[in-house]
């Protein structure tokens, strides 16, 4: 069977004041087209479906419409779990209606999905944290162990007051029990989770810039070696770059977000993952690059002229600009830069002169005229930076208004 793994949609996401909804509409359409072209049998969405607990009407509409298209109006199962950005209650709310369209929404840890049957597939078995699907044209079942994101409150609610036990131990025992009871070699066995997972002994993976972190020290760090041996593929969500932290034989994959959502992701290629699986054998997978969405670019310039020239030649992108100069950026230069490009997210002026040390005492001659005194004071408070002409004109205007 063929499975499509995607995650971290963050529908409704903004980049500072810029909405990404138009790009998200396009990339959701691209994912649907890939699913249809690849003729996949099952879709898994591994959390962070929305960007916040109270998504906009437009984001919710895009979510439901995309899942409905992915499900081929109920002919193909879609399984989506909540992530740390999602409200589990919001994800669960439409479940009775969603299942009529072949969509299985799982918001809470250890949820037990009520079995149901449609024309092309059915949930033949269900337990807390696991569903077993039978598809009409496939002779074997697929078991999906599901672990949505669980904050501390949810962990206490669903796993008990085991404060002395590590999260790894709790999950390891829960997954092991499910795998031993349901995951034999007569079916395909998948784990779907939204967690911060790392390979034991490896360098810690960085969480995306601007994301709500779910790793505090190492308390919430889950190790991939607790995944039961019966699991053939683990579909993860949370980290935004594509990576397999498992092995070639038993992949443990972050499929990546569909768009670059912060400048720490600038230059990344985004993917969905297509898995081919059958009982008792190693899976194979192919990551497919997504082409939709504006690139995020970080650029550094040392002159306004170079900045404006580059901006005019590179219009269709979102940019973080750093402009190094000997003095503060003038208002007319700032205006000129912003007028030359519609996608400037951040403009960061950077002073080249960094030799001035605030730790050194600075003597100021109080017998100087007021303008010179202000210039000396400004240098002392701004790492040696000179007050530019524009600032001095403003200072003189204030002086004159007081006379």
Protein backbone atom coordinates (compact mmCIF):
# COMPACT_ATOMS: atom_id res chain seq x y z
CA UNK A 1 0.00 0.00 0.00
CA UNK A 2 0.98 3.65 -0.48
CA UNK A 3 0.82 6.16 2.37
CA UNK A 4 1.30 9.93 2.16
CA UNK A 5 2.85 11.51 5.27
CA UNK A 6 2.65 15.27 5.81
CA UNK A 7 2.69 17.49 8.90
CA UNK A 8 2.96 21.00 10.35
CA UNK A 9 0.53 22.76 8.05
CA UNK A 10 0.12 25.69 10.47
CA UNK A 11 -2.94 26.93 8.63
CA UNK A 12 -3.58 30.58 9.43
CA UNK A 13 0.12 31.26 10.03
CA UNK A 14 1.35 34.84 9.67
CA UNK A 15 4.91 36.05 9.25
CA UNK A 16 4.90 39.27 11.22
CA UNK A 17 2.14 41.32 9.51
CA UNK A 18 2.09 39.14 6.37
CA UNK A 19 -0.64 36.52 5.91
CA UNK A 20 0.47 33.24 4.33
CA UNK A 21 -3.07 32.05 3.61
CA UNK A 22 -2.85 32.51 -0.17
CA UNK A 23 0.35 30.44 -0.27
CA UNK A 24 -1.27 27.83 1.98
CA UNK A 25 -4.24 27.51 -0.38
CA UNK A 26 -1.77 26.84 -3.20
CA UNK A 27 0.38 24.33 -1.31
CA UNK A 28 -2.67 22.43 -0.02
CA UNK A 29 -3.79 22.12 -3.63
CA UNK A 30 -0.32 20.84 -4.55
CA UNK A 31 -0.45 18.17 -1.82
CA UNK A 32 -3.88 17.02 -3.03
CA UNK A 33 -2.57 16.79 -6.60
CA UNK A 34 0.44 14.72 -5.48
CA UNK A 35 -1.80 12.36 -3.48
CA UNK A 36 -4.01 11.80 -6.52
CA UNK A 37 -1.12 11.46 -8.99
CA UNK A 38 0.64 8.96 -6.71
CA UNK A 39 -2.63 7.08 -6.13
CA UNK A 40 -1.96 6.81 -2.42
CA UNK A 41 -4.21 4.61 -0.28
CA UNK A 42 -3.97 6.53 2.99
CA UNK A 43 -3.08 10.06 4.20
CA UNK A 44 -1.44 10.79 7.57
CA UNK A 45 -1.17 14.37 8.89
CA UNK A 46 1.07 14.41 11.96
CA UNK A 47 -0.09 17.47 13.88
CA UNK A 48 0.12 21.27 14.00
CA UNK A 49 -2.81 21.43 11.64
CA UNK A 50 -3.46 25.05 12.64
CA UNK A 51 -1.10 27.74 13.88
CA UNK A 52 -3.04 28.55 17.05
CA UNK A 53 -5.86 27.38 19.28
CA UNK A 54 -8.34 29.83 17.73
CA UNK A 55 -7.74 29.72 13.97
CA UNK A 56 -9.48 32.10 11.59
CA UNK A 57 -12.62 31.13 9.71
CA UNK A 58 -10.56 31.07 6.50
CA UNK A 59 -7.98 28.69 8.00
CA UNK A 60 -10.67 26.32 9.30
CA UNK A 61 -12.44 26.34 5.94
CA UNK A 62 -9.18 25.56 4.12
CA UNK A 63 -8.49 22.70 6.55
CA UNK A 64 -11.85 20.98 6.06
CA UNK A 65 -11.88 21.48 2.30
CA UNK A 66 -8.35 20.08 1.97
CA UNK A 67 -9.13 16.99 4.06
CA UNK A 68 -12.32 16.39 2.09
CA UNK A 69 -10.38 16.55 -1.19
CA UNK A 70 -7.65 14.28 0.19
CA UNK A 71 -10.30 11.76 1.25
CA UNK A 72 -11.80 11.69 -2.26
CA UNK A 73 -15.17 12.37 -0.64
CA UNK A 74 -14.92 9.38 1.67
CA UNK A 75 -13.17 6.88 -0.59
CA UNK A 76 -9.69 7.26 0.94
CA UNK A 77 -8.97 7.38 4.70
CA UNK A 78 -7.29 10.47 6.14
CA UNK A 79 -5.90 10.37 9.68
CA UNK A 80 -4.97 13.70 11.31
CA UNK A 81 -3.74 14.21 14.88
CA UNK A 82 -3.32 17.40 16.90
CA UNK A 83 0.02 19.08 17.60
CA UNK A 84 1.22 21.56 20.20
CA UNK A 85 -0.32 24.47 18.24
CA UNK A 86 -3.74 22.83 18.07
CA UNK A 87 -6.70 22.80 20.41
CA UNK A 88 -7.50 19.09 20.85
CA UNK A 89 -11.17 19.91 21.44
CA UNK A 90 -11.34 21.87 18.19
CA UNK A 91 -9.75 18.97 16.30
CA UNK A 92 -12.16 16.46 17.84
CA UNK A 93 -15.31 18.56 17.43
CA UNK A 94 -16.27 17.69 13.82
CA UNK A 95 -15.42 13.98 14.17
CA UNK A 96 -18.97 12.58 13.76
CA UNK A 97 -19.40 14.50 10.52
CA UNK A 98 -15.78 14.06 9.38
CA UNK A 99 -15.94 10.26 9.54
CA UNK A 100 -18.77 10.35 6.96
CA UNK A 101 -16.12 11.79 4.63
CA UNK A 102 -13.49 9.21 5.60
CA UNK A 103 -11.62 11.64 7.85
CA UNK A 104 -10.39 10.46 11.27
CA UNK A 105 -9.53 13.36 13.57
CA UNK A 106 -7.67 12.59 16.81
CA UNK A 107 -7.17 15.43 19.27
CA UNK A 108 -6.39 13.81 22.61
CA UNK A 109 -3.71 11.33 23.72
CA UNK A 110 -4.96 7.78 24.20
CA UNK A 111 -8.18 8.60 22.35
CA UNK A 112 -10.32 5.64 21.37
CA UNK A 113 -11.92 6.10 17.96
CA UNK A 114 -15.39 4.63 17.56
CA UNK A 115 -15.31 2.01 14.77
CA UNK A 116 -17.24 2.83 11.61
CA UNK A 117 -17.55 1.51 8.07
CA UNK A 118 -17.76 3.26 4.70
CA UNK A 119 -17.96 1.82 1.22
CA UNK A 120 -14.19 1.65 0.63
CA UNK A 121 -12.78 1.10 4.14
CA UNK A 122 -13.63 0.50 7.75
CA UNK A 123 -12.10 0.75 11.20
CA UNK A 124 -12.10 -2.92 12.10
CA UNK A 125 -10.50 -2.53 15.54
CA UNK A 126 -9.86 0.29 17.97
CA UNK A 127 -8.15 0.78 21.31
CA UNK A 128 -6.86 3.75 23.29
CA UNK A 129 -4.04 5.05 21.11
CA UNK A 130 -4.58 2.72 18.13
CA UNK A 131 -6.85 2.11 15.15
CA UNK A 132 -6.85 -0.75 12.66
CA UNK A 133 -8.05 0.01 9.13
CA UNK A 134 -9.18 -2.40 6.43
CA UNK A 135 -9.22 -0.98 2.90
CA UNK A 136 -11.49 -2.49 0.28
CA UNK A 137 -8.83 -3.33 -2.34
CA UNK A 138 -6.00 -4.25 0.05
CA UNK A 139 -5.85 -7.72 1.51
CA UNK A 140 -4.14 -6.80 4.80
CA UNK A 141 -4.96 -4.30 7.57
CA UNK A 142 -2.96 -1.20 8.55
CA UNK A 143 -2.56 -0.44 12.24
CA UNK A 144 -1.87 3.15 13.25
CA UNK A 145 -0.66 3.87 16.76
CA UNK A 146 -1.48 7.55 17.32
CA UNK A 147 0.05 9.93 19.86
CA UNK A 148 -1.10 13.53 19.53
CA UNK A 149 0.87 16.17 21.42
CA UNK A 150 0.31 16.03 25.16
CA UNK A 151 1.14 18.96 27.43
CA UNK A 152 1.75 18.42 31.14
CA UNK A 153 -1.94 18.74 32.05
CA UNK A 154 -2.98 16.26 29.35
CA UNK A 155 -0.20 13.86 30.39
CA UNK A 156 -1.46 13.85 33.97
CA UNK A 157 -5.03 13.37 32.75
CA UNK A 158 -4.30 10.48 30.40
CA UNK A 159 -1.19 8.83 31.83
CA UNK A 160 -1.74 9.46 35.53
CA UNK A 161 0.27 11.21 38.27
CA UNK A 162 3.50 9.41 37.43
CA UNK A 163 5.76 12.33 38.28
CA UNK A 164 8.59 10.04 39.25
CA UNK A 165 8.47 8.34 35.86
CA UNK A 166 10.02 9.81 32.75
CA UNK A 167 7.83 10.49 29.76
CA UNK A 168 9.96 8.06 27.77
CA UNK A 169 9.07 5.26 30.17
CA UNK A 170 5.35 6.06 30.07
CA UNK A 171 5.24 6.16 26.27
CA UNK A 172 7.49 3.13 25.89
CA UNK A 173 5.18 1.02 28.06
CA UNK A 174 2.04 2.28 26.33
CA UNK A 175 3.41 1.72 22.82
CA UNK A 176 4.86 -1.69 23.73
CA UNK A 177 1.54 -2.88 25.10
CA UNK A 178 -0.35 -1.78 21.98
CA UNK A 179 2.25 -3.25 19.62
CA UNK A 180 2.25 -6.62 21.36
CA UNK A 181 -1.54 -6.82 21.32
CA UNK A 182 -2.30 -5.56 17.82
CA UNK A 183 0.80 -5.24 15.61
CA UNK A 184 1.70 -8.65 14.20
CA UNK A 185 3.29 -9.32 10.81
CA UNK A 186 -0.05 -9.89 9.11
CA UNK A 187 -0.56 -6.15 8.68
CA UNK A 188 1.29 -2.87 8.16
CA UNK A 189 2.22 -1.17 11.43
CA UNK A 190 2.64 2.62 11.64
CA UNK A 191 3.26 5.04 14.51
CA UNK A 192 2.00 8.62 14.08
CA UNK A 193 3.09 11.15 16.72
CA UNK A 194 3.63 14.85 17.32
CA UNK A 195 6.63 14.90 19.64
CA UNK A 196 10.13 16.25 20.03
CA UNK A 197 12.00 13.04 19.24
CA UNK A 198 15.72 12.54 18.91
CA UNK A 199 18.12 9.70 18.28
CA UNK A 200 19.81 8.72 21.54
CA UNK A 201 23.40 9.96 21.65
CA UNK A 202 22.95 12.23 18.63
CA UNK A 203 23.22 16.01 18.62
CA UNK A 204 19.95 17.59 19.70
CA UNK A 205 17.79 18.76 16.82
CA UNK A 206 16.83 22.44 16.82
CA UNK A 207 13.18 23.35 17.15
CA UNK A 208 11.98 25.86 14.54
CA UNK A 209 12.59 29.54 15.25
CA UNK A 210 9.43 31.26 16.39
CA UNK A 211 7.74 27.96 17.28
CA UNK A 212 6.15 27.17 20.59
CA UNK A 213 8.87 24.95 22.07
CA UNK A 214 7.86 21.58 23.43
CA UNK A 215 11.35 20.72 24.66
CA UNK A 216 12.22 22.20 28.05
CA UNK A 217 15.72 20.99 28.83
CA UNK A 218 15.49 17.26 28.24
CA UNK A 219 12.30 16.65 30.24
CA UNK A 220 10.13 16.36 27.13
CA UNK A 221 12.74 14.73 24.92
CA UNK A 222 11.60 11.39 23.50
CA UNK A 223 14.16 8.93 22.17
CA UNK A 224 13.53 6.95 19.01
CA UNK A 225 14.81 3.71 20.52
CA UNK A 226 11.59 3.33 22.56
CA UNK A 227 9.59 2.77 19.35
CA UNK A 228 8.45 -0.89 19.33
CA UNK A 229 10.19 -3.27 16.92
CA UNK A 230 6.87 -4.07 15.27
CA UNK A 231 6.57 -0.51 13.91
CA UNK A 232 7.70 -0.31 10.29
CA UNK A 233 7.46 3.47 9.85
CA UNK A 234 7.07 6.39 12.25
CA UNK A 235 5.36 9.53 10.92
CA UNK A 236 6.42 12.51 13.05
CA UNK A 237 5.38 16.13 13.23
CA UNK A 238 6.88 19.21 14.96
CA UNK A 239 10.29 19.85 13.37
CA UNK A 240 9.99 21.72 10.08
CA UNK A 241 12.84 20.23 8.05
CA UNK A 242 12.76 16.79 6.44
CA UNK A 243 14.87 14.26 8.34
CA UNK A 244 14.96 10.57 9.12
CA UNK A 245 16.17 10.06 12.69
CA UNK A 246 15.61 6.33 12.44
CA UNK A 247 17.28 3.86 10.10
CA UNK A 248 16.87 2.95 6.45
CA UNK A 249 15.15 -0.26 7.54
CA UNK A 250 12.80 1.44 10.04
CA UNK A 251 12.44 5.13 9.16
CA UNK A 252 11.45 7.66 11.81
CA UNK A 253 10.66 10.70 9.70
CA UNK A 254 9.83 14.36 10.14
CA UNK A 255 8.18 15.09 6.80
CA UNK A 256 8.70 18.90 7.13
CA UNK A 257 6.26 21.78 7.03
CA UNK A 258 4.78 22.56 3.59
CA UNK A 259 6.11 26.16 3.62
CA UNK A 260 9.04 27.99 5.20
CA UNK A 261 7.50 29.59 8.27
CA UNK A 262 10.47 31.41 9.83
CA UNK A 263 13.75 32.84 8.60
CA UNK A 264 15.62 30.02 10.33
CA UNK A 265 14.07 27.89 7.55
CA UNK A 266 15.28 30.21 4.77
CA UNK A 267 16.53 28.19 1.80
CA UNK A 268 14.98 24.90 2.95
CA UNK A 269 13.21 22.65 0.48
CA UNK A 270 9.89 21.38 1.81
CA UNK A 271 8.54 17.87 1.19
CA UNK A 272 5.79 15.36 1.63
CA UNK A 273 6.75 11.70 2.01
CA UNK A 274 5.32 8.76 0.05
CA UNK A 275 5.73 5.40 1.81
CA UNK A 276 5.31 1.98 0.22
CA UNK A 277 4.58 -0.70 2.80
CA UNK A 278 3.48 -4.30 3.09
CA UNK A 279 3.30 -6.70 6.03
CA UNK A 280 6.50 -8.14 7.44
CA UNK A 281 8.83 -6.22 5.10
CA UNK A 282 10.94 -3.10 5.22
CA UNK A 283 9.17 -0.02 3.92
CA UNK A 284 10.56 2.20 1.20
CA UNK A 285 9.86 5.89 0.86
CA UNK A 286 10.28 8.74 -1.58
CA UNK A 287 10.21 12.34 -0.50
CA UNK A 288 8.63 14.68 -3.03
CA UNK A 289 9.63 18.35 -3.04
CA UNK A 290 6.89 20.94 -2.80
CA UNK A 291 7.27 23.80 -5.24
CA UNK A 292 4.58 26.19 -4.05
CA UNK A 293 5.16 29.15 -1.75
CA UNK A 294 7.37 32.21 -1.64
CA UNK A 295 11.00 31.62 -0.66
CA UNK A 296 12.25 33.21 2.56
CA UNK A 297 15.58 34.99 2.14
CA UNK A 298 18.04 36.58 4.54
CA UNK A 299 20.25 39.24 2.92
CA UNK A 300 22.94 41.60 4.21
CA UNK A 301 23.95 44.79 2.37
CA UNK A 302 26.34 47.65 3.09
CA UNK A 303 24.66 50.37 1.06
CA UNK A 304 21.17 51.58 0.25
CA UNK A 305 21.93 51.57 -3.49
CA UNK A 306 22.91 47.88 -3.50
CA UNK A 307 19.87 47.05 -1.37
CA UNK A 308 17.38 48.78 -3.65
CA UNK A 309 18.99 47.36 -6.81
CA UNK A 310 18.75 43.77 -5.50
CA UNK A 311 15.20 44.24 -4.23
CA UNK A 312 13.98 45.48 -7.59
CA UNK A 313 15.43 42.37 -9.29
CA UNK A 314 13.99 39.88 -6.76
CA UNK A 315 10.34 40.69 -6.25
CA UNK A 316 8.55 37.39 -5.46
CA UNK A 317 9.98 36.49 -2.06
CA UNK A 318 9.79 37.37 1.63
CA UNK A 319 12.91 39.02 2.98
CA UNK A 320 14.78 39.75 6.18
CA UNK A 321 17.18 42.61 5.38
CA UNK A 322 20.20 43.66 7.39
CA UNK A 323 21.72 46.96 6.28
CA UNK A 324 25.20 47.74 7.62
CA UNK A 325 26.12 51.43 7.60
CA UNK A 326 28.27 53.99 9.41
CA UNK A 327 25.29 55.92 10.71
CA UNK A 328 21.64 55.43 11.50
CA UNK A 329 19.33 54.77 8.57
CA UNK A 330 17.65 57.96 7.38
CA UNK A 331 13.89 58.09 7.10
CA UNK A 332 14.03 58.78 3.35
CA UNK A 333 16.33 55.77 2.81
CA UNK A 334 14.05 53.53 4.86
CA UNK A 335 11.06 54.74 2.83
CA UNK A 336 12.91 54.16 -0.44
CA UNK A 337 13.78 50.59 0.57
CA UNK A 338 10.22 49.71 1.56
CA UNK A 339 8.83 51.25 -1.64
CA UNK A 340 11.11 49.06 -3.76
CA UNK A 341 9.70 45.73 -2.47
CA UNK A 342 6.38 44.48 -1.07
CA UNK A 343 7.82 41.50 0.81
CA UNK A 344 10.17 43.03 3.38
CA UNK A 345 9.34 41.38 6.70
CA UNK A 346 12.19 42.82 8.76
CA UNK A 347 14.62 45.67 8.08
CA UNK A 348 17.50 45.55 10.56
CA UNK A 349 19.90 48.53 10.59
CA UNK A 350 23.35 47.55 11.81
CA UNK A 351 26.07 50.01 12.77
CA UNK A 352 29.51 49.12 11.45
CA UNK A 353 31.42 50.92 14.21
CA UNK A 354 31.46 48.55 17.16
CA UNK A 355 34.80 49.62 18.71
CA UNK A 356 33.21 51.88 21.30
CA UNK A 357 33.01 50.22 24.72
CA UNK A 358 30.30 51.25 27.16
CA UNK A 359 32.34 49.76 29.99
CA UNK A 360 34.91 52.55 29.57
CA UNK A 361 34.32 55.89 31.39
CA UNK A 362 33.47 58.74 29.02
CA UNK A 363 34.26 62.31 29.96
CA UNK A 364 31.90 64.98 28.60
CA UNK A 365 32.91 68.62 28.62
CA UNK A 366 29.91 70.43 30.06
CA UNK A 367 31.20 73.77 28.81
CA UNK A 368 30.38 72.86 25.19
CA UNK A 369 27.37 74.23 23.33
CA UNK A 370 24.14 72.24 23.62
CA UNK A 371 24.40 70.60 20.16
CA UNK A 372 27.92 69.29 20.85
CA UNK A 373 26.85 68.11 24.30
CA UNK A 374 23.98 66.17 22.72
CA UNK A 375 26.34 64.59 20.17
CA UNK A 376 28.69 63.47 22.96
CA UNK A 377 25.80 62.11 25.02
CA UNK A 378 24.40 60.27 21.99
CA UNK A 379 27.80 58.62 21.30
CA UNK A 380 28.07 57.54 24.94
CA UNK A 381 24.68 55.85 24.85
CA UNK A 382 24.95 54.29 21.38
CA UNK A 383 28.29 52.47 21.30
CA UNK A 384 30.13 55.38 19.68
CA UNK A 385 27.55 55.88 16.95
CA UNK A 386 27.39 59.43 15.58
CA UNK A 387 24.07 61.26 15.51
CA UNK A 388 23.22 61.80 11.85
CA UNK A 389 22.06 65.03 10.24
CA UNK A 390 18.39 64.03 10.37
CA UNK A 391 18.56 63.41 14.12
CA UNK A 392 20.40 66.68 14.75
CA UNK A 393 17.80 68.60 12.75
CA UNK A 394 15.08 67.04 14.88
CA UNK A 395 17.00 67.94 18.06
CA UNK A 396 17.37 71.56 16.91
CA UNK A 397 13.68 71.70 16.05
CA UNK A 398 12.81 70.60 19.59
CA UNK A 399 15.23 73.18 21.03
CA UNK A 400 13.71 75.95 18.98
CA UNK A 401 10.20 75.00 20.00
CA UNK A 402 11.16 75.45 23.65
CA UNK A 403 12.65 78.92 23.20
